[in-house]
Amino acid sequence: MPQDLQRVQCEIYRRMSAREKLELVFGTYGTGKELSLAGIRLRNPDASEADLRQIWAREHLGEELFKSVYGGQPK
């Protein structure tokens, strides 16, 4: 990113309230999660929504944390 654009972007962020920054972060995270779920749906067309959420969780939490949170449930 060119330096002048980066400066403008930093100034915009500086002027944002904490709430606006959090909304931006959570919105971006949500978009990323939806894109990830779309890819999982393509690879698992017959999976239920619950199955898709578990696959997503397994991929993003890692096996050890997934097992401790979900009790090692399959898929």
PDB file of N, CA and C in Angstrom:
ATOM      1  N   MET A   1       0.859  -1.175   0.000  1.00  0.00           N
ATOM      2  CA  MET A   1       0.000   0.000   0.000  1.00  0.00           C
ATOM      3  C   MET A   1       0.900   1.231   0.000  1.00  0.00           C
ATOM      4  N   PRO A   2       0.666   2.145  -0.938  1.00  0.00           N
ATOM      5  CA  PRO A   2       1.471   3.371  -0.963  1.00  0.00           C
ATOM      6  C   PRO A   2       1.367   4.132   0.364  1.00  0.00           C
ATOM      7  N   GLN A   3       2.452   4.792   0.702  1.00  0.00           N
ATOM      8  CA  GLN A   3       2.557   5.456   2.000  1.00  0.00           C
ATOM      9  C   GLN A   3       1.467   6.502   2.232  1.00  0.00           C
ATOM     10  N   ASP A   4       1.111   7.277   1.210  1.00  0.00           N
ATOM     11  CA  ASP A   4       0.083   8.305   1.402  1.00  0.00           C
ATOM     12  C   ASP A   4      -1.279   7.682   1.690  1.00  0.00           C
ATOM     13  N   LEU A   5      -1.578   6.562   1.047  1.00  0.00           N
ATOM     14  CA  LEU A   5      -2.845   5.878   1.322  1.00  0.00           C
ATOM     15  C   LEU A   5      -2.859   5.287   2.724  1.00  0.00           C
ATOM     16  N   GLN A   6      -1.737   4.764   3.149  1.00  0.00           N
ATOM     17  CA  GLN A   6      -1.631   4.204   4.490  1.00  0.00           C
ATOM     18  C   GLN A   6      -1.834   5.301   5.540  1.00  0.00           C
ATOM     19  N   ARG A   7      -1.288   6.480   5.282  1.00  0.00           N
ATOM     20  CA  ARG A   7      -1.463   7.607   6.204  1.00  0.00           C
ATOM     21  C   ARG A   7      -2.938   7.991   6.324  1.00  0.00           C
ATOM     22  N   VAL A   8      -3.629   8.039   5.186  1.00  0.00           N
ATOM     23  CA  VAL A   8      -5.055   8.377   5.182  1.00  0.00           C
ATOM     24  C   VAL A   8      -5.848   7.314   5.950  1.00  0.00           C
ATOM     25  N   GLN A   9      -5.527   6.051   5.696  1.00  0.00           N
ATOM     26  CA  GLN A   9      -6.218   4.972   6.386  1.00  0.00           C
ATOM     27  C   GLN A   9      -5.990   5.059   7.897  1.00  0.00           C
ATOM     28  N   CYS A  10      -4.762   5.321   8.315  1.00  0.00           N
ATOM     29  CA  CYS A  10      -4.462   5.453   9.746  1.00  0.00           C
ATOM     30  C   CYS A  10      -5.234   6.623  10.360  1.00  0.00           C
ATOM     31  N   GLU A  11      -5.349   7.709   9.639  1.00  0.00           N
ATOM     32  CA  GLU A  11      -6.093   8.864  10.137  1.00  0.00           C
ATOM     33  C   GLU A  11      -7.581   8.520  10.289  1.00  0.00           C
ATOM     34  N   ILE A  12      -8.106   7.791   9.343  1.00  0.00           N
ATOM     35  CA  ILE A  12      -9.515   7.363   9.447  1.00  0.00           C
ATOM     36  C   ILE A  12      -9.699   6.496  10.689  1.00  0.00           C
ATOM     37  N   TYR A  13      -8.801   5.553  10.909  1.00  0.00           N
ATOM     38  CA  TYR A  13      -8.895   4.692  12.089  1.00  0.00           C
ATOM     39  C   TYR A  13      -8.759   5.501  13.378  1.00  0.00           C
ATOM     40  N   ARG A  14      -7.877   6.487  13.390  1.00  0.00           N
ATOM     41  CA  ARG A  14      -7.697   7.326  14.574  1.00  0.00           C
ATOM     42  C   ARG A  14      -8.981   8.062  14.944  1.00  0.00           C
ATOM     43  N   ARG A  15      -9.720   8.468  13.929  1.00  0.00           N
ATOM     44  CA  ARG A  15     -10.947   9.233  14.166  1.00  0.00           C
ATOM     45  C   ARG A  15     -12.141   8.358  14.545  1.00  0.00           C
ATOM     46  N   MET A  16     -12.019   7.069  14.352  1.00  0.00           N
ATOM     47  CA  MET A  16     -13.118   6.159  14.671  1.00  0.00           C
ATOM     48  C   MET A  16     -13.214   5.958  16.180  1.00  0.00           C
ATOM     49  N   SER A  17     -14.444   5.798  16.652  1.00  0.00           N
ATOM     50  CA  SER A  17     -14.639   5.484  18.069  1.00  0.00           C
ATOM     51  C   SER A  17     -14.264   4.023  18.300  1.00  0.00           C
ATOM     52  N   ALA A  18     -14.098   3.660  19.560  1.00  0.00           N
ATOM     53  CA  ALA A  18     -13.787   2.265  19.893  1.00  0.00           C
ATOM     54  C   ALA A  18     -14.897   1.347  19.380  1.00  0.00           C
ATOM     55  N   ARG A  19     -16.125   1.801  19.520  1.00  0.00           N
ATOM     56  CA  ARG A  19     -17.253   0.991  19.052  1.00  0.00           C
ATOM     57  C   ARG A  19     -17.175   0.769  17.537  1.00  0.00           C
ATOM     58  N   GLU A  20     -16.868   1.802  16.783  1.00  0.00           N
ATOM     59  CA  GLU A  20     -16.752   1.667  15.333  1.00  0.00           C
ATOM     60  C   GLU A  20     -15.635   0.704  14.951  1.00  0.00           C
ATOM     61  N   LYS A  21     -14.522   0.779  15.677  1.00  0.00           N
ATOM     62  CA  LYS A  21     -13.408  -0.128  15.399  1.00  0.00           C
ATOM     63  C   LYS A  21     -13.796  -1.576  15.690  1.00  0.00           C
ATOM     64  N   LEU A  22     -14.491  -1.794  16.808  1.00  0.00           N
ATOM     65  CA  LEU A  22     -14.928  -3.145  17.141  1.00  0.00           C
ATOM     66  C   LEU A  22     -15.924  -3.669  16.113  1.00  0.00           C
ATOM     67  N   GLU A  23     -16.850  -2.815  15.676  1.00  0.00           N
ATOM     68  CA  GLU A  23     -17.809  -3.222  14.648  1.00  0.00           C
ATOM     69  C   GLU A  23     -17.087  -3.609  13.363  1.00  0.00           C
ATOM     70  N   LEU A  24     -16.050  -2.878  13.014  1.00  0.00           N
ATOM     71  CA  LEU A  24     -15.262  -3.181  11.825  1.00  0.00           C
ATOM     72  C   LEU A  24     -14.567  -4.536  11.971  1.00  0.00           C
ATOM     73  N   VAL A  25     -13.962  -4.774  13.126  1.00  0.00           N
ATOM     74  CA  VAL A  25     -13.251  -6.033  13.371  1.00  0.00           C
ATOM     75  C   VAL A  25     -14.228  -7.209  13.339  1.00  0.00           C
ATOM     76  N   PHE A  26     -15.341  -7.091  14.077  1.00  0.00           N
ATOM     77  CA  PHE A  26     -16.291  -8.197  14.124  1.00  0.00           C
ATOM     78  C   PHE A  26     -16.955  -8.425  12.763  1.00  0.00           C
ATOM     79  N   GLY A  27     -17.214  -7.361  12.026  1.00  0.00           N
ATOM     80  CA  GLY A  27     -17.780  -7.502  10.688  1.00  0.00           C
ATOM     81  C   GLY A  27     -16.833  -8.222   9.753  1.00  0.00           C
ATOM     82  N   THR A  28     -15.563  -7.863   9.823  1.00  0.00           N
ATOM     83  CA  THR A  28     -14.551  -8.509   8.988  1.00  0.00           C
ATOM     84  C   THR A  28     -14.404  -9.977   9.360  1.00  0.00           C
ATOM     85  N   TYR A  29     -14.399 -10.261  10.661  1.00  0.00           N
ATOM     86  CA  TYR A  29     -14.319 -11.650  11.129  1.00  0.00           C
ATOM     87  C   TYR A  29     -15.519 -12.442  10.615  1.00  0.00           C
ATOM     88  N   GLY A  30     -16.716 -11.869  10.729  1.00  0.00           N
ATOM     89  CA  GLY A  30     -17.924 -12.545  10.274  1.00  0.00           C
ATOM     90  C   GLY A  30     -17.887 -12.845   8.784  1.00  0.00           C
ATOM     91  N   THR A  31     -17.391 -11.892   8.003  1.00  0.00           N
ATOM     92  CA  THR A  31     -17.269 -12.105   6.560  1.00  0.00           C
ATOM     93  C   THR A  31     -16.297 -13.242   6.260  1.00  0.00           C
ATOM     94  N   GLY A  32     -15.177 -13.262   6.966  1.00  0.00           N
ATOM     95  CA  GLY A  32     -14.198 -14.333   6.781  1.00  0.00           C
ATOM     96  C   GLY A  32     -14.775 -15.689   7.145  1.00  0.00           C
ATOM     97  N   LYS A  33     -15.549 -15.729   8.233  1.00  0.00           N
ATOM     98  CA  LYS A  33     -16.161 -16.994   8.654  1.00  0.00           C
ATOM     99  C   LYS A  33     -17.164 -17.464   7.601  1.00  0.00           C
ATOM    100  N   GLU A  34     -17.972 -16.555   7.078  1.00  0.00           N
ATOM    101  CA  GLU A  34     -18.942 -16.924   6.047  1.00  0.00           C
ATOM    102  C   GLU A  34     -18.249 -17.439   4.786  1.00  0.00           C
ATOM    103  N   LEU A  35     -17.155 -16.814   4.400  1.00  0.00           N
ATOM    104  CA  LEU A  35     -16.398 -17.295   3.236  1.00  0.00           C
ATOM    105  C   LEU A  35     -15.826 -18.692   3.491  1.00  0.00           C
ATOM    106  N   SER A  36     -15.328 -18.896   4.691  1.00  0.00           N
ATOM    107  CA  SER A  36     -14.796 -20.198   5.062  1.00  0.00           C
ATOM    108  C   SER A  36     -15.898 -21.257   5.030  1.00  0.00           C
ATOM    109  N   LEU A  37     -17.066 -20.928   5.590  1.00  0.00           N
ATOM    110  CA  LEU A  37     -18.191 -21.862   5.583  1.00  0.00           C
ATOM    111  C   LEU A  37     -18.657 -22.167   4.159  1.00  0.00           C
ATOM    112  N   ALA A  38     -18.599 -21.176   3.279  1.00  0.00           N
ATOM    113  CA  ALA A  38     -18.978 -21.401   1.886  1.00  0.00           C
ATOM    114  C   ALA A  38     -18.052 -22.441   1.247  1.00  0.00           C
ATOM    115  N   GLY A  39     -16.764 -22.350   1.531  1.00  0.00           N
ATOM    116  CA  GLY A  39     -15.814 -23.337   1.019  1.00  0.00           C
ATOM    117  C   GLY A  39     -16.073 -24.717   1.591  1.00  0.00           C
ATOM    118  N   ILE A  40     -16.401 -24.773   2.881  1.00  0.00           N
ATOM    119  CA  ILE A  40     -16.706 -26.059   3.523  1.00  0.00           C
ATOM    120  C   ILE A  40     -17.967 -26.659   2.902  1.00  0.00           C
ATOM    121  N   ARG A  41     -18.975 -25.823   2.626  1.00  0.00           N
ATOM    122  CA  ARG A  41     -20.207 -26.302   1.974  1.00  0.00           C
ATOM    123  C   ARG A  41     -19.907 -26.911   0.602  1.00  0.00           C
ATOM    124  N   LEU A  42     -19.027 -26.250  -0.148  1.00  0.00           N
ATOM    125  CA  LEU A  42     -18.669 -26.775  -1.467  1.00  0.00           C
ATOM    126  C   LEU A  42     -18.005 -28.144  -1.371  1.00  0.00           C
ATOM    127  N   ARG A  43     -17.183 -28.325  -0.340  1.00  0.00           N
ATOM    128  CA  ARG A  43     -16.480 -29.602  -0.175  1.00  0.00           C
ATOM    129  C   ARG A  43     -17.352 -30.671   0.488  1.00  0.00           C
ATOM    130  N   ASN A  44     -18.448 -30.248   1.143  1.00  0.00           N
ATOM    131  CA  ASN A  44     -19.317 -31.172   1.876  1.00  0.00           C
ATOM    132  C   ASN A  44     -20.783 -30.852   1.565  1.00  0.00           C
ATOM    133  N   PRO A  45     -21.208 -31.067   0.319  1.00  0.00           N
ATOM    134  CA  PRO A  45     -22.546 -30.620  -0.094  1.00  0.00           C
ATOM    135  C   PRO A  45     -23.697 -31.272   0.662  1.00  0.00           C
ATOM    136  N   ASP A  46     -23.491 -32.440   1.239  1.00  0.00           N
ATOM    137  CA  ASP A  46     -24.571 -33.137   1.942  1.00  0.00           C
ATOM    138  C   ASP A  46     -24.571 -32.882   3.448  1.00  0.00           C
ATOM    139  N   ALA A  47     -23.647 -32.086   3.929  1.00  0.00           N
ATOM    140  CA  ALA A  47     -23.538 -31.830   5.371  1.00  0.00           C
ATOM    141  C   ALA A  47     -24.655 -30.894   5.845  1.00  0.00           C
ATOM    142  N   SER A  48     -25.123 -31.156   7.064  1.00  0.00           N
ATOM    143  CA  SER A  48     -26.122 -30.276   7.673  1.00  0.00           C
ATOM    144  C   SER A  48     -25.427 -29.004   8.164  1.00  0.00           C
ATOM    145  N   GLU A  49     -26.209 -28.001   8.522  1.00  0.00           N
ATOM    146  CA  GLU A  49     -25.623 -26.759   9.057  1.00  0.00           C
ATOM    147  C   GLU A  49     -24.830 -27.050  10.328  1.00  0.00           C
ATOM    148  N   ALA A  50     -25.353 -27.961  11.174  1.00  0.00           N
ATOM    149  CA  ALA A  50     -24.634 -28.318  12.408  1.00  0.00           C
ATOM    150  C   ALA A  50     -23.298 -28.978  12.067  1.00  0.00           C
ATOM    151  N   ASP A  51     -23.311 -29.865  11.071  1.00  0.00           N
ATOM    152  CA  ASP A  51     -22.061 -30.508  10.639  1.00  0.00           C
ATOM    153  C   ASP A  51     -21.071 -29.479  10.116  1.00  0.00           C
ATOM    154  N   LEU A  52     -21.572 -28.525   9.322  1.00  0.00           N
ATOM    155  CA  LEU A  52     -20.701 -27.486   8.764  1.00  0.00           C
ATOM    156  C   LEU A  52     -20.053 -26.666   9.877  1.00  0.00           C
ATOM    157  N   ARG A  53     -20.838 -26.315  10.891  1.00  0.00           N
ATOM    158  CA  ARG A  53     -20.287 -25.533  12.014  1.00  0.00           C
ATOM    159  C   ARG A  53     -19.222 -26.330  12.764  1.00  0.00           C
ATOM    160  N   GLN A  54     -19.443 -27.639  12.902  1.00  0.00           N
ATOM    161  CA  GLN A  54     -18.437 -28.466  13.587  1.00  0.00           C
ATOM    162  C   GLN A  54     -17.166 -28.602  12.756  1.00  0.00           C
ATOM    163  N   ILE A  55     -17.314 -28.766  11.464  1.00  0.00           N
ATOM    164  CA  ILE A  55     -16.133 -28.841  10.592  1.00  0.00           C
ATOM    165  C   ILE A  55     -15.354 -27.531  10.689  1.00  0.00           C
ATOM    166  N   TRP A  56     -16.080 -26.410  10.640  1.00  0.00           N
ATOM    167  CA  TRP A  56     -15.432 -25.097  10.754  1.00  0.00           C
ATOM    168  C   TRP A  56     -14.691 -24.988  12.088  1.00  0.00           C
ATOM    169  N   ALA A  57     -15.346 -25.389  13.161  1.00  0.00           N
ATOM    170  CA  ALA A  57     -14.732 -25.297  14.489  1.00  0.00           C
ATOM    171  C   ALA A  57     -13.478 -26.166  14.568  1.00  0.00           C
ATOM    172  N   ARG A  58     -13.560 -27.362  14.036  1.00  0.00           N
ATOM    173  CA  ARG A  58     -12.392 -28.268  14.063  1.00  0.00           C
ATOM    174  C   ARG A  58     -11.223 -27.638  13.306  1.00  0.00           C
ATOM    175  N   GLU A  59     -11.506 -27.059  12.139  1.00  0.00           N
ATOM    176  CA  GLU A  59     -10.446 -26.444  11.339  1.00  0.00           C
ATOM    177  C   GLU A  59      -9.845 -25.223  12.029  1.00  0.00           C
ATOM    178  N   HIS A  60     -10.638 -24.468  12.751  1.00  0.00           N
ATOM    179  CA  HIS A  60     -10.162 -23.214  13.318  1.00  0.00           C
ATOM    180  C   HIS A  60      -9.682 -23.318  14.762  1.00  0.00           C
ATOM    181  N   LEU A  61     -10.165 -24.306  15.478  1.00  0.00           N
ATOM    182  CA  LEU A  61      -9.714 -24.473  16.863  1.00  0.00           C
ATOM    183  C   LEU A  61      -8.500 -25.388  16.958  1.00  0.00           C
ATOM    184  N   GLY A  62      -8.355 -26.270  15.995  1.00  0.00           N
ATOM    185  CA  GLY A  62      -7.325 -27.298  16.094  1.00  0.00           C
ATOM    186  C   GLY A  62      -7.916 -28.499  16.823  1.00  0.00           C
ATOM    187  N   GLU A  63      -7.325 -29.639  16.609  1.00  0.00           N
ATOM    188  CA  GLU A  63      -7.886 -30.892  17.116  1.00  0.00           C
ATOM    189  C   GLU A  63      -7.999 -30.933  18.641  1.00  0.00           C
ATOM    190  N   GLU A  64      -6.938 -30.537  19.339  1.00  0.00           N
ATOM    191  CA  GLU A  64      -6.938 -30.629  20.802  1.00  0.00           C
ATOM    192  C   GLU A  64      -8.005 -29.740  21.434  1.00  0.00           C
ATOM    193  N   LEU A  65      -8.061 -28.473  21.043  1.00  0.00           N
ATOM    194  CA  LEU A  65      -9.058 -27.563  21.598  1.00  0.00           C
ATOM    195  C   LEU A  65     -10.462 -27.974  21.160  1.00  0.00           C
ATOM    196  N   PHE A  66     -10.599 -28.422  19.921  1.00  0.00           N
ATOM    197  CA  PHE A  66     -11.905 -28.885  19.445  1.00  0.00           C
ATOM    198  C   PHE A  66     -12.429 -30.008  20.336  1.00  0.00           C
ATOM    199  N   LYS A  67     -11.570 -30.983  20.623  1.00  0.00           N
ATOM    200  CA  LYS A  67     -11.989 -32.113  21.465  1.00  0.00           C
ATOM    201  C   LYS A  67     -12.363 -31.666  22.869  1.00  0.00           C
ATOM    202  N   SER A  68     -11.634 -30.696  23.415  1.00  0.00           N
ATOM    203  CA  SER A  68     -11.969 -30.244  24.763  1.00  0.00           C
ATOM    204  C   SER A  68     -13.269 -29.440  24.796  1.00  0.00           C
ATOM    205  N   VAL A  69     -13.581 -28.741  23.719  1.00  0.00           N
ATOM    206  CA  VAL A  69     -14.812 -27.953  23.650  1.00  0.00           C
ATOM    207  C   VAL A  69     -16.007 -28.817  23.274  1.00  0.00           C
ATOM    208  N   TYR A  70     -15.835 -29.676  22.263  1.00  0.00           N
ATOM    209  CA  TYR A  70     -16.945 -30.452  21.719  1.00  0.00           C
ATOM    210  C   TYR A  70     -16.950 -31.909  22.182  1.00  0.00           C
ATOM    211  N   GLY A  71     -15.997 -32.293  23.008  1.00  0.00           N
ATOM    212  CA  GLY A  71     -15.974 -33.654  23.521  1.00  0.00           C
ATOM    213  C   GLY A  71     -15.575 -34.691  22.500  1.00  0.00           C
ATOM    214  N   GLY A  72     -14.859 -34.280  21.466  1.00  0.00           N
ATOM    215  CA  GLY A  72     -14.358 -35.222  20.484  1.00  0.00           C
ATOM    216  C   GLY A  72     -15.438 -35.828  19.607  1.00  0.00           C
ATOM    217  N   GLN A  73     -16.573 -35.108  19.451  1.00  0.00           N
ATOM    218  CA  GLN A  73     -17.645 -35.624  18.597  1.00  0.00           C
ATOM    219  C   GLN A  73     -17.156 -35.729  17.157  1.00  0.00           C
ATOM    220  N   PRO A  74     -17.601 -36.736  16.455  1.00  0.00           N
ATOM    221  CA  PRO A  74     -17.169 -36.885  15.063  1.00  0.00           C
ATOM    222  C   PRO A  74     -17.714 -35.776  14.180  1.00  0.00           C
ATOM    223  N   LYS A  75     -16.949 -35.476  13.138  1.00  0.00           N
ATOM    224  CA  LYS A  75     -17.315 -34.500  12.109  1.00  0.00           C
ATOM    225  C   LYS A  75     -17.733 -33.235  12.781  1.00  0.00           C
TER     226      LYS A  75
END
